[in-house]
C-alpha atoms as a PDB file:
ATOM      1  CA  UNK A   1       0.835  10.633  15.657  1.00  0.00           C
ATOM      2  CA  UNK A   2       2.771  10.619  18.864  1.00  0.00           C
ATOM      3  CA  UNK A   3       3.717   7.289  20.416  1.00  0.00           C
ATOM      4  CA  UNK A   4       5.389   6.742  23.736  1.00  0.00           C
ATOM      5  CA  UNK A   5       6.867   3.303  23.986  1.00  0.00           C
ATOM      6  CA  UNK A   6       8.406   2.062  27.186  1.00  0.00           C
ATOM      7  CA  UNK A   7      10.938  -0.751  27.141  1.00  0.00           C
ATOM      8  CA  UNK A   8      12.475  -2.260  30.230  1.00  0.00           C
ATOM      9  CA  UNK A   9      15.352  -4.725  30.255  1.00  0.00           C
ATOM     10  CA  UNK A  10      17.111  -6.460  33.114  1.00  0.00           C
ATOM     11  CA  UNK A  11      20.423  -8.237  33.090  1.00  0.00           C
ATOM     12  CA  UNK A  12      21.362 -10.590  35.880  1.00  0.00           C
ATOM     13  CA  UNK A  13      24.739 -12.298  36.412  1.00  0.00           C
ATOM     14  CA  UNK A  14      25.012 -15.046  38.916  1.00  0.00           C
ATOM     15  CA  UNK A  15      27.857 -16.727  40.726  1.00  0.00           C
ATOM     16  CA  UNK A  16      29.270 -19.261  38.308  1.00  0.00           C
ATOM     17  CA  UNK A  17      29.502 -22.844  39.516  1.00  0.00           C
ATOM     18  CA  UNK A  18      32.662 -24.813  38.852  1.00  0.00           C
ATOM     19  CA  UNK A  19      32.810 -26.324  35.401  1.00  0.00           C
ATOM     20  CA  UNK A  20      31.068 -23.471  33.584  1.00  0.00           C
ATOM     21  CA  UNK A  21      33.192 -22.326  30.656  1.00  0.00           C
ATOM     22  CA  UNK A  22      34.303 -18.777  30.017  1.00  0.00           C
ATOM     23  CA  UNK A  23      32.224 -18.740  26.792  1.00  0.00           C
ATOM     24  CA  UNK A  24      29.074 -19.607  28.714  1.00  0.00           C
ATOM     25  CA  UNK A  25      29.912 -16.908  31.246  1.00  0.00           C
ATOM     26  CA  UNK A  26      30.208 -14.309  28.497  1.00  0.00           C
ATOM     27  CA  UNK A  27      26.850 -15.321  26.994  1.00  0.00           C
ATOM     28  CA  UNK A  28      25.123 -15.273  30.377  1.00  0.00           C
ATOM     29  CA  UNK A  29      26.411 -11.846  31.380  1.00  0.00           C
ATOM     30  CA  UNK A  30      26.508 -10.048  28.026  1.00  0.00           C
ATOM     31  CA  UNK A  31      24.428  -6.945  27.499  1.00  0.00           C
ATOM     32  CA  UNK A  32      21.053  -7.504  25.787  1.00  0.00           C
ATOM     33  CA  UNK A  33      20.407  -6.198  22.274  1.00  0.00           C
ATOM     34  CA  UNK A  34      19.471  -2.525  22.667  1.00  0.00           C
ATOM     35  CA  UNK A  35      15.760  -1.824  22.275  1.00  0.00           C
ATOM     36  CA  UNK A  36      14.695   0.575  19.554  1.00  0.00           C
ATOM     37  CA  UNK A  37      13.481   3.952  20.739  1.00  0.00           C
ATOM     38  CA  UNK A  38      11.964   7.063  19.179  1.00  0.00           C
ATOM     39  CA  UNK A  39      11.256   7.011  15.454  1.00  0.00           C
ATOM     40  CA  UNK A  40      12.976   3.638  15.059  1.00  0.00           C
ATOM     41  CA  UNK A  41      10.558   2.073  17.549  1.00  0.00           C
ATOM     42  CA  UNK A  42       7.544   3.650  15.860  1.00  0.00           C
ATOM     43  CA  UNK A  43       8.630   2.386  12.461  1.00  0.00           C
ATOM     44  CA  UNK A  44       9.314  -1.067  13.856  1.00  0.00           C
ATOM     45  CA  UNK A  45       5.739  -1.131  15.138  1.00  0.00           C
ATOM     46  CA  UNK A  46       4.516  -0.159  11.666  1.00  0.00           C
ATOM     47  CA  UNK A  47       6.517  -3.032  10.140  1.00  0.00           C
ATOM     48  CA  UNK A  48       5.113  -5.448  12.693  1.00  0.00           C
ATOM     49  CA  UNK A  49       1.535  -4.368  12.007  1.00  0.00           C
ATOM     50  CA  UNK A  50       2.081  -4.722   8.269  1.00  0.00           C
ATOM     51  CA  UNK A  51       3.434  -8.229   8.740  1.00  0.00           C
ATOM     52  CA  UNK A  52       0.370  -9.157  10.809  1.00  0.00           C
ATOM     53  CA  UNK A  53      -2.001  -7.734   8.223  1.00  0.00           C
ATOM     54  CA  UNK A  54      -3.149  -4.933  10.540  1.00  0.00           C
ATOM     55  CA  UNK A  55      -3.133  -2.356   7.787  1.00  0.00           C
ATOM     56  CA  UNK A  56      -5.209   0.162   9.729  1.00  0.00           C
ATOM     57  CA  UNK A  57      -2.553   0.157  12.434  1.00  0.00           C
ATOM     58  CA  UNK A  58       0.215   0.391   9.831  1.00  0.00           C
ATOM     59  CA  UNK A  59      -1.329   3.663   8.685  1.00  0.00           C
ATOM     60  CA  UNK A  60      -1.542   4.913  12.265  1.00  0.00           C
ATOM     61  CA  UNK A  61       2.109   4.217  13.025  1.00  0.00           C
ATOM     62  CA  UNK A  62       3.401   5.691   9.754  1.00  0.00           C
ATOM     63  CA  UNK A  63       1.330   8.882   9.818  1.00  0.00           C
ATOM     64  CA  UNK A  64       3.579  11.041  11.974  1.00  0.00           C
ATOM     65  CA  UNK A  65       6.800   9.701  10.464  1.00  0.00           C
ATOM     66  CA  UNK A  66       5.610  10.321   6.906  1.00  0.00           C
ATOM     67  CA  UNK A  67       4.762  13.955   7.644  1.00  0.00           C
ATOM     68  CA  UNK A  68       8.087  14.929   9.216  1.00  0.00           C
ATOM     69  CA  UNK A  69       9.558  18.193   7.866  1.00  0.00           C
ATOM     70  CA  UNK A  70      12.381  18.312   7.234  1.00  0.00           C
ATOM     71  CA  UNK A  71      12.552  14.567   6.495  1.00  0.00           C
ATOM     72  CA  UNK A  72      14.346  12.391   9.026  1.00  0.00           C
ATOM     73  CA  UNK A  73      15.834   8.915   8.967  1.00  0.00           C
ATOM     74  CA  UNK A  74      12.563   6.981   8.698  1.00  0.00           C
ATOM     75  CA  UNK A  75      10.422   9.533   6.861  1.00  0.00           C
ATOM     76  CA  UNK A  76      10.838   8.180   3.350  1.00  0.00           C
ATOM     77  CA  UNK A  77      10.503   4.554   4.446  1.00  0.00           C
ATOM     78  CA  UNK A  78       7.286   5.425   6.253  1.00  0.00           C
ATOM     79  CA  UNK A  79       5.998   7.194   3.142  1.00  0.00           C
ATOM     80  CA  UNK A  80       6.733   4.163   0.968  1.00  0.00           C
ATOM     81  CA  UNK A  81       5.059   1.726   3.349  1.00  0.00           C
ATOM     82  CA  UNK A  82       2.100   4.055   3.868  1.00  0.00           C
ATOM     83  CA  UNK A  83       1.660   4.512   0.135  1.00  0.00           C
ATOM     84  CA  UNK A  84       1.705   0.770  -0.558  1.00  0.00           C
ATOM     85  CA  UNK A  85      -0.789   0.188   2.222  1.00  0.00           C
ATOM     86  CA  UNK A  86      -3.188   2.782   0.823  1.00  0.00           C
ATOM     87  CA  UNK A  87      -2.677   1.377  -2.658  1.00  0.00           C
ATOM     88  CA  UNK A  88      -3.441  -2.180  -1.604  1.00  0.00           C
ATOM     89  CA  UNK A  89      -6.562  -1.184   0.300  1.00  0.00           C
ATOM     90  CA  UNK A  90      -7.699   0.925  -2.651  1.00  0.00           C
ATOM     91  CA  UNK A  91      -7.298  -2.005  -5.037  1.00  0.00           C
ATOM     92  CA  UNK A  92      -9.263  -4.231  -2.674  1.00  0.00           C
ATOM     93  CA  UNK A  93     -12.164  -1.776  -2.551  1.00  0.00           C
ATOM     94  CA  UNK A  94     -12.003  -1.347  -6.322  1.00  0.00           C
ATOM     95  CA  UNK A  95     -12.493  -5.087  -6.781  1.00  0.00           C
ATOM     96  CA  UNK A  96     -15.427  -5.067  -4.354  1.00  0.00           C
ATOM     97  CA  UNK A  97     -17.052  -2.104  -6.131  1.00  0.00           C
ATOM     98  CA  UNK A  98     -16.644  -3.713  -9.538  1.00  0.00           C
ATOM     99  CA  UNK A  99     -17.915  -7.066  -8.286  1.00  0.00           C
ATOM    100  CA  UNK A 100     -21.045  -5.676  -6.662  1.00  0.00           C
ATOM    101  CA  UNK A 101     -21.623  -3.448  -9.687  1.00  0.00           C
ATOM    102  CA  UNK A 102     -21.626  -6.458 -11.993  1.00  0.00           C
ATOM    103  CA  UNK A 103     -23.829  -8.364  -9.559  1.00  0.00           C
ATOM    104  CA  UNK A 104     -26.372  -5.552  -9.643  1.00  0.00           C
ATOM    105  CA  UNK A 105     -26.407  -5.642 -13.448  1.00  0.00           C
ATOM    106  CA  UNK A 106     -26.660  -9.432 -13.615  1.00  0.00           C
ATOM    107  CA  UNK A 107     -29.392 -10.102 -11.072  1.00  0.00           C
ATOM    108  CA  UNK A 108     -33.089  -9.942 -11.903  1.00  0.00           C
ATOM    109  CA  UNK A 109     -34.126  -9.722  -8.250  1.00  0.00           C
ATOM    110  CA  UNK A 110     -35.090  -6.108  -7.321  1.00  0.00           C
ATOM    111  CA  UNK A 111     -34.054  -6.613  -3.687  1.00  0.00           C
ATOM    112  CA  UNK A 112     -30.648  -7.909  -4.736  1.00  0.00           C
ATOM    113  CA  UNK A 113     -30.258  -4.934  -7.073  1.00  0.00           C
ATOM    114  CA  UNK A 114     -30.864  -2.473  -4.238  1.00  0.00           C
ATOM    115  CA  UNK A 115     -28.503  -4.240  -1.847  1.00  0.00           C
ATOM    116  CA  UNK A 116     -25.720  -4.672  -4.385  1.00  0.00           C
ATOM    117  CA  UNK A 117     -26.006  -1.012  -5.333  1.00  0.00           C
ATOM    118  CA  UNK A 118     -25.624  -0.075  -1.662  1.00  0.00           C
ATOM    119  CA  UNK A 119     -22.588  -2.334  -1.211  1.00  0.00           C
ATOM    120  CA  UNK A 120     -21.039  -0.966  -4.393  1.00  0.00           C
ATOM    121  CA  UNK A 121     -21.461   2.581  -3.133  1.00  0.00           C
ATOM    122  CA  UNK A 122     -19.967   1.667   0.249  1.00  0.00           C
ATOM    123  CA  UNK A 123     -16.915   0.179  -1.483  1.00  0.00           C
ATOM    124  CA  UNK A 124     -16.583   3.223  -3.743  1.00  0.00           C
ATOM    125  CA  UNK A 125     -16.583   5.653  -0.821  1.00  0.00           C
ATOM    126  CA  UNK A 126     -14.109   3.584   1.219  1.00  0.00           C
ATOM    127  CA  UNK A 127     -11.887   3.107  -1.818  1.00  0.00           C
ATOM    128  CA  UNK A 128     -12.100   6.802  -2.602  1.00  0.00           C
ATOM    129  CA  UNK A 129     -10.737   7.640   0.832  1.00  0.00           C
ATOM    130  CA  UNK A 130      -7.844   5.215   0.335  1.00  0.00           C
ATOM    131  CA  UNK A 131      -7.247   6.745  -3.119  1.00  0.00           C
ATOM    132  CA  UNK A 132      -6.988  10.227  -1.618  1.00  0.00           C
ATOM    133  CA  UNK A 133      -4.588   8.929   1.036  1.00  0.00           C
ATOM    134  CA  UNK A 134      -2.448   7.417  -1.698  1.00  0.00           C
ATOM    135  CA  UNK A 135      -2.524  10.696  -3.613  1.00  0.00           C
ATOM    136  CA  UNK A 136      -1.399  12.673  -0.582  1.00  0.00           C
ATOM    137  CA  UNK A 137       1.619  10.466   0.061  1.00  0.00           C
ATOM    138  CA  UNK A 138       2.470  10.254  -3.638  1.00  0.00           C
ATOM    139  CA  UNK A 139       2.520  14.043  -3.850  1.00  0.00           C
ATOM    140  CA  UNK A 140       4.956  14.231  -0.933  1.00  0.00           C
ATOM    141  CA  UNK A 141       7.306  11.862  -2.793  1.00  0.00           C
ATOM    142  CA  UNK A 142       7.062  13.509  -6.240  1.00  0.00           C
ATOM    143  CA  UNK A 143       6.419  17.176  -5.469  1.00  0.00           C
ATOM    144  CA  UNK A 144       7.744  19.357  -8.266  1.00  0.00           C
ATOM    145  CA  UNK A 145       8.114  16.408 -10.638  1.00  0.00           C
ATOM    146  CA  UNK A 146      11.100  14.993  -8.791  1.00  0.00           C
ATOM    147  CA  UNK A 147      11.715  11.774  -6.897  1.00  0.00           C
ATOM    148  CA  UNK A 148      14.679  10.159  -5.171  1.00  0.00           C
ATOM    149  CA  UNK A 149      16.913   8.025  -7.379  1.00  0.00           C
ATOM    150  CA  UNK A 150      16.295   5.103  -5.056  1.00  0.00           C
ATOM    151  CA  UNK A 151      13.557   4.253  -2.564  1.00  0.00           C
ATOM    152  CA  UNK A 152      13.450   1.513   0.033  1.00  0.00           C
ATOM    153  CA  UNK A 153      10.616  -0.850   0.856  1.00  0.00           C
ATOM    154  CA  UNK A 154      11.449  -1.913   4.381  1.00  0.00           C
ATOM    155  CA  UNK A 155       8.839  -4.321   5.725  1.00  0.00           C
ATOM    156  CA  UNK A 156       8.316  -8.071   5.949  1.00  0.00           C
ATOM    157  CA  UNK A 157       5.736  -9.641   3.667  1.00  0.00           C
ATOM    158  CA  UNK A 158       2.337 -10.088   5.389  1.00  0.00           C
ATOM    159  CA  UNK A 159       2.020 -13.537   6.917  1.00  0.00           C
ATOM    160  CA  UNK A 160      -1.617 -13.906   5.854  1.00  0.00           C
ATOM    161  CA  UNK A 161      -1.888 -13.635   2.086  1.00  0.00           C
ATOM    162  CA  UNK A 162      -5.055 -12.910   0.186  1.00  0.00           C
ATOM    163  CA  UNK A 163      -6.593 -15.371  -2.270  1.00  0.00           C
ATOM    164  CA  UNK A 164      -5.855 -15.270  -5.983  1.00  0.00           C
ATOM    165  CA  UNK A 165      -9.605 -14.777  -6.462  1.00  0.00           C
ATOM    166  CA  UNK A 166     -12.264 -13.732  -3.970  1.00  0.00           C
ATOM    167  CA  UNK A 167     -14.705 -16.687  -4.199  1.00  0.00           C
ATOM    168  CA  UNK A 168     -17.687 -14.734  -2.914  1.00  0.00           C
ATOM    169  CA  UNK A 169     -17.312 -12.149  -5.675  1.00  0.00           C
ATOM    170  CA  UNK A 170     -17.253 -14.858  -8.334  1.00  0.00           C
ATOM    171  CA  UNK A 171     -20.732 -15.770  -7.157  1.00  0.00           C
ATOM    172  CA  UNK A 172     -21.846 -12.138  -6.965  1.00  0.00           C
ATOM    173  CA  UNK A 173     -20.850 -11.439 -10.565  1.00  0.00           C
ATOM    174  CA  UNK A 174     -23.355 -14.062 -11.735  1.00  0.00           C
ATOM    175  CA  UNK A 175     -26.155 -12.170 -10.006  1.00  0.00           C
ATOM    176  CA  UNK A 176     -26.504 -14.713  -7.206  1.00  0.00           C
ATOM    177  CA  UNK A 177     -26.999 -13.549  -3.615  1.00  0.00           C
ATOM    178  CA  UNK A 178     -24.446 -13.873  -0.845  1.00  0.00           C
ATOM    179  CA  UNK A 179     -25.363 -13.673   2.824  1.00  0.00           C
ATOM    180  CA  UNK A 180     -23.980 -11.008   5.240  1.00  0.00           C
ATOM    181  CA  UNK A 181     -21.280 -13.341   6.590  1.00  0.00           C
ATOM    182  CA  UNK A 182     -20.134 -13.984   3.015  1.00  0.00           C
ATOM    183  CA  UNK A 183     -20.139 -10.251   2.334  1.00  0.00           C
ATOM    184  CA  UNK A 184     -17.883  -9.793   5.347  1.00  0.00           C
ATOM    185  CA  UNK A 185     -15.612 -12.603   4.157  1.00  0.00           C
ATOM    186  CA  UNK A 186     -15.339 -10.954   0.735  1.00  0.00           C
ATOM    187  CA  UNK A 187     -14.329  -7.640   2.322  1.00  0.00           C
ATOM    188  CA  UNK A 188     -11.693  -9.334   4.478  1.00  0.00           C
ATOM    189  CA  UNK A 189     -10.264 -11.267   1.531  1.00  0.00           C
ATOM    190  CA  UNK A 190     -10.200  -8.357  -0.907  1.00  0.00           C
ATOM    191  CA  UNK A 191      -7.910  -6.195   1.234  1.00  0.00           C
ATOM    192  CA  UNK A 192      -4.929  -8.588   1.560  1.00  0.00           C
ATOM    193  CA  UNK A 193      -5.437  -9.594  -2.073  1.00  0.00           C
ATOM    194  CA  UNK A 194      -5.075  -5.944  -3.047  1.00  0.00           C
ATOM    195  CA  UNK A 195      -1.970  -5.609  -0.874  1.00  0.00           C
ATOM    196  CA  UNK A 196      -0.426  -8.703  -2.500  1.00  0.00           C
ATOM    197  CA  UNK A 197      -1.055  -7.331  -5.985  1.00  0.00           C
ATOM    198  CA  UNK A 198       0.414  -3.922  -5.191  1.00  0.00           C
ATOM    199  CA  UNK A 199       3.522  -5.460  -3.623  1.00  0.00           C
ATOM    200  CA  UNK A 200       4.010  -7.622  -6.689  1.00  0.00           C
ATOM    201  CA  UNK A 201       3.642  -4.600  -8.967  1.00  0.00           C
ATOM    202  CA  UNK A 202       6.104  -2.411  -7.071  1.00  0.00           C
ATOM    203  CA  UNK A 203       8.881  -5.006  -7.263  1.00  0.00           C
ATOM    204  CA  UNK A 204       8.174  -5.646 -10.945  1.00  0.00           C
ATOM    205  CA  UNK A 205       6.773  -9.142 -10.592  1.00  0.00           C
ATOM    206  CA  UNK A 206       4.127 -11.042  -8.661  1.00  0.00           C
ATOM    207  CA  UNK A 207       3.398 -11.799  -5.017  1.00  0.00           C
ATOM    208  CA  UNK A 208       5.936 -14.623  -4.973  1.00  0.00           C
ATOM    209  CA  UNK A 209       8.745 -12.319  -6.095  1.00  0.00           C
ATOM    210  CA  UNK A 210       7.629  -9.679  -3.596  1.00  0.00           C
ATOM    211  CA  UNK A 211       7.488 -12.189  -0.745  1.00  0.00           C
ATOM    212  CA  UNK A 212      10.997 -13.491  -1.409  1.00  0.00           C
ATOM    213  CA  UNK A 213      12.470 -10.024  -1.799  1.00  0.00           C
ATOM    214  CA  UNK A 214      10.800  -8.466   1.253  1.00  0.00           C
ATOM    215  CA  UNK A 215      11.541 -11.363   3.580  1.00  0.00           C
ATOM    216  CA  UNK A 216      15.216 -11.196   2.583  1.00  0.00           C
ATOM    217  CA  UNK A 217      15.505  -7.627   3.887  1.00  0.00           C
ATOM    218  CA  UNK A 218      14.921  -4.041   2.720  1.00  0.00           C
ATOM    219  CA  UNK A 219      14.148  -3.875  -1.016  1.00  0.00           C
ATOM    220  CA  UNK A 220      15.804  -1.132  -3.087  1.00  0.00           C
ATOM    221  CA  UNK A 221      13.635   0.220  -5.909  1.00  0.00           C
ATOM    222  CA  UNK A 222      14.884   2.517  -8.657  1.00  0.00           C
ATOM    223  CA  UNK A 223      13.229   5.912  -8.530  1.00  0.00           C
ATOM    224  CA  UNK A 224      12.082   5.807 -12.167  1.00  0.00           C
ATOM    225  CA  UNK A 225      10.413   2.419 -11.638  1.00  0.00           C
ATOM    226  CA  UNK A 226       8.746   3.569  -8.452  1.00  0.00           C
ATOM    227  CA  UNK A 227       7.497   6.780 -10.074  1.00  0.00           C
ATOM    228  CA  UNK A 228       5.916   4.871 -12.968  1.00  0.00           C
ATOM    229  CA  UNK A 229       4.351   2.449 -10.503  1.00  0.00           C
ATOM    230  CA  UNK A 230       2.925   5.471  -8.690  1.00  0.00           C
ATOM    231  CA  UNK A 231       1.524   6.893 -11.895  1.00  0.00           C
ATOM    232  CA  UNK A 232      -0.300   3.662 -12.662  1.00  0.00           C
ATOM    233  CA  UNK A 233      -1.733   3.493  -9.138  1.00  0.00           C
ATOM    234  CA  UNK A 234      -2.910   7.093  -9.372  1.00  0.00           C
ATOM    235  CA  UNK A 235      -4.720   6.376 -12.626  1.00  0.00           C
ATOM    236  CA  UNK A 236      -6.628   3.693 -10.722  1.00  0.00           C
ATOM    237  CA  UNK A 237      -7.208   6.190  -7.906  1.00  0.00           C
ATOM    238  CA  UNK A 238      -8.777   8.660 -10.335  1.00  0.00           C
ATOM    239  CA  UNK A 239     -11.185   5.894 -11.452  1.00  0.00           C
ATOM    240  CA  UNK A 240     -13.113   6.273  -8.197  1.00  0.00           C
ATOM    241  CA  UNK A 241     -14.007   9.872  -8.994  1.00  0.00           C
ATOM    242  CA  UNK A 242     -15.012   9.679 -12.665  1.00  0.00           C
ATOM    243  CA  UNK A 243     -18.550  10.118 -13.962  1.00  0.00           C
ATOM    244  CA  UNK A 244     -19.451   6.437 -13.670  1.00  0.00           C
ATOM    245  CA  UNK A 245     -18.505   6.271 -10.010  1.00  0.00           C
ATOM    246  CA  UNK A 246     -18.320   9.067  -7.410  1.00  0.00           C
ATOM    247  CA  UNK A 247     -18.418  11.840 -10.037  1.00  0.00           C
ATOM    248  CA  UNK A 248     -16.112  14.259  -8.210  1.00  0.00           C
ATOM    249  CA  UNK A 249     -14.206  16.203 -10.851  1.00  0.00           C
ATOM    250  CA  UNK A 250     -12.092  18.229  -8.420  1.00  0.00           C
ATOM    251  CA  UNK A 251     -10.675  15.164  -6.730  1.00  0.00           C
ATOM    252  CA  UNK A 252     -10.217  13.387 -10.043  1.00  0.00           C
ATOM    253  CA  UNK A 253      -8.288  16.378 -11.353  1.00  0.00           C
ATOM    254  CA  UNK A 254      -6.188  16.474  -8.185  1.00  0.00           C
ATOM    255  CA  UNK A 255      -5.182  12.806  -8.513  1.00  0.00           C
ATOM    256  CA  UNK A 256      -4.444  13.209 -12.217  1.00  0.00           C
ATOM    257  CA  UNK A 257      -2.157  16.107 -11.330  1.00  0.00           C
ATOM    258  CA  UNK A 258      -0.201  13.918  -8.924  1.00  0.00           C
ATOM    259  CA  UNK A 259      -0.035  11.165 -11.560  1.00  0.00           C
ATOM    260  CA  UNK A 260       1.465  13.704 -13.944  1.00  0.00           C
ATOM    261  CA  UNK A 261       4.009  14.680 -11.271  1.00  0.00           C
ATOM    262  CA  UNK A 262       4.984  11.034 -10.869  1.00  0.00           C
ATOM    263  CA  UNK A 263       5.486  10.394 -14.578  1.00  0.00           C
ATOM    264  CA  UNK A 264       7.369  13.677 -14.961  1.00  0.00           C
ATOM    265  CA  UNK A 265       9.664  12.501 -12.159  1.00  0.00           C
ATOM    266  CA  UNK A 266      10.168   9.146 -13.886  1.00  0.00           C
ATOM    267  CA  UNK A 267      11.035  10.773 -17.218  1.00  0.00           C
ATOM    268  CA  UNK A 268      13.449  13.177 -15.518  1.00  0.00           C
ATOM    269  CA  UNK A 269      15.436  10.273 -14.077  1.00  0.00           C
ATOM    270  CA  UNK A 270      15.302   8.422 -17.381  1.00  0.00           C
ATOM    271  CA  UNK A 271      17.080  11.324 -19.050  1.00  0.00           C
ATOM    272  CA  UNK A 272      20.044  10.553 -16.813  1.00  0.00           C
ATOM    273  CA  UNK A 273      19.778   6.803 -17.344  1.00  0.00           C
ATOM    274  CA  UNK A 274      17.875   6.178 -20.594  1.00  0.00           C
ATOM    275  CA  UNK A 275      15.663   3.121 -20.995  1.00  0.00           C
ATOM    276  CA  UNK A 276      13.315   3.066 -23.984  1.00  0.00           C
ATOM    277  CA  UNK A 277      10.830   0.594 -22.492  1.00  0.00           C
ATOM    278  CA  UNK A 278      10.553   2.486 -19.217  1.00  0.00           C
ATOM    279  CA  UNK A 279      10.142   5.762 -21.085  1.00  0.00           C
ATOM    280  CA  UNK A 280       7.299   4.277 -23.148  1.00  0.00           C
ATOM    281  CA  UNK A 281       5.599   3.024 -19.971  1.00  0.00           C
ATOM    282  CA  UNK A 282       5.764   6.468 -18.368  1.00  0.00           C
ATOM    283  CA  UNK A 283       4.435   8.198 -21.493  1.00  0.00           C
ATOM    284  CA  UNK A 284       1.605   5.661 -21.698  1.00  0.00           C
ATOM    285  CA  UNK A 285       0.517   6.707 -18.209  1.00  0.00           C
ATOM    286  CA  UNK A 286       0.629  10.347 -19.274  1.00  0.00           C
ATOM    287  CA  UNK A 287      -1.645   9.496 -22.204  1.00  0.00           C
ATOM    288  CA  UNK A 288      -4.057   7.728 -19.844  1.00  0.00           C
ATOM    289  CA  UNK A 289      -4.175  10.808 -17.623  1.00  0.00           C
ATOM    290  CA  UNK A 290      -4.954  13.022 -20.603  1.00  0.00           C
ATOM    291  CA  UNK A 291      -7.729  10.658 -21.687  1.00  0.00           C
ATOM    292  CA  UNK A 292      -9.270  10.663 -18.216  1.00  0.00           C
ATOM    293  CA  UNK A 293      -9.313  14.452 -18.075  1.00  0.00           C
ATOM    294  CA  UNK A 294     -10.685  14.738 -21.611  1.00  0.00           C
ATOM    295  CA  UNK A 295     -13.537  12.351 -20.785  1.00  0.00           C
ATOM    296  CA  UNK A 296     -14.705  14.643 -17.973  1.00  0.00           C
ATOM    297  CA  UNK A 297     -14.891  17.778 -20.110  1.00  0.00           C
END
């Protein structure tokens, strides 16, 4: 994505009346803070969109930066932010798909069954696209079973947080009907909720820990931790393509391959800096990947 951003600044110094101090003169006539340009400006726009909860725009602004070869100053940061955005959206759609699936099973009304099946399928397809986006970025970060020793999450926490539970889906799971405006509200709530959960997971805590850390400045994440986080997200991504959902073995296999890359990268770093608990977590993800692939055979 190419973005051309124009910034204009003007500095005016006036004749200073008697009584104005030298300090005030220096403030009045000092140069303004330089505006960001080029990749820095594009990434700043991505950060701003993320903060405002405009996740579609976050993906637009990070696309070109994340694909830069060879990598430049903001490439890896764009990849991290893009990956977390895809992951959060994916988790939101997963919750919608599961909720409407349970609603379809619970209701006795044939019309409700048809509509909830349709909404479940819509959520599965949208979530599947987010899952593939996550897989693409994850592969770029772990290609060859390697990952950087440290990654940086550089974005402010979104100002509009999602709910702890999507109230409309609580009703759906009982088999009760929700009107179109409630369906729209559920979709809007599920996305930021998914983002909140993913941000909590990547910092090794909950949304409160993520909020405090991100609003304090760029967050440094150990490569082994990030790789294991990726593996877990990719297991969820593969869920969309198993037999019970979209039934697409090729894409499931592709995402499982990237999950294996991520856990291989985590274990490689843990050889340099051993940690038994982290090693067990990575191997657990590998076992989950094997089980997923075995279930499709």
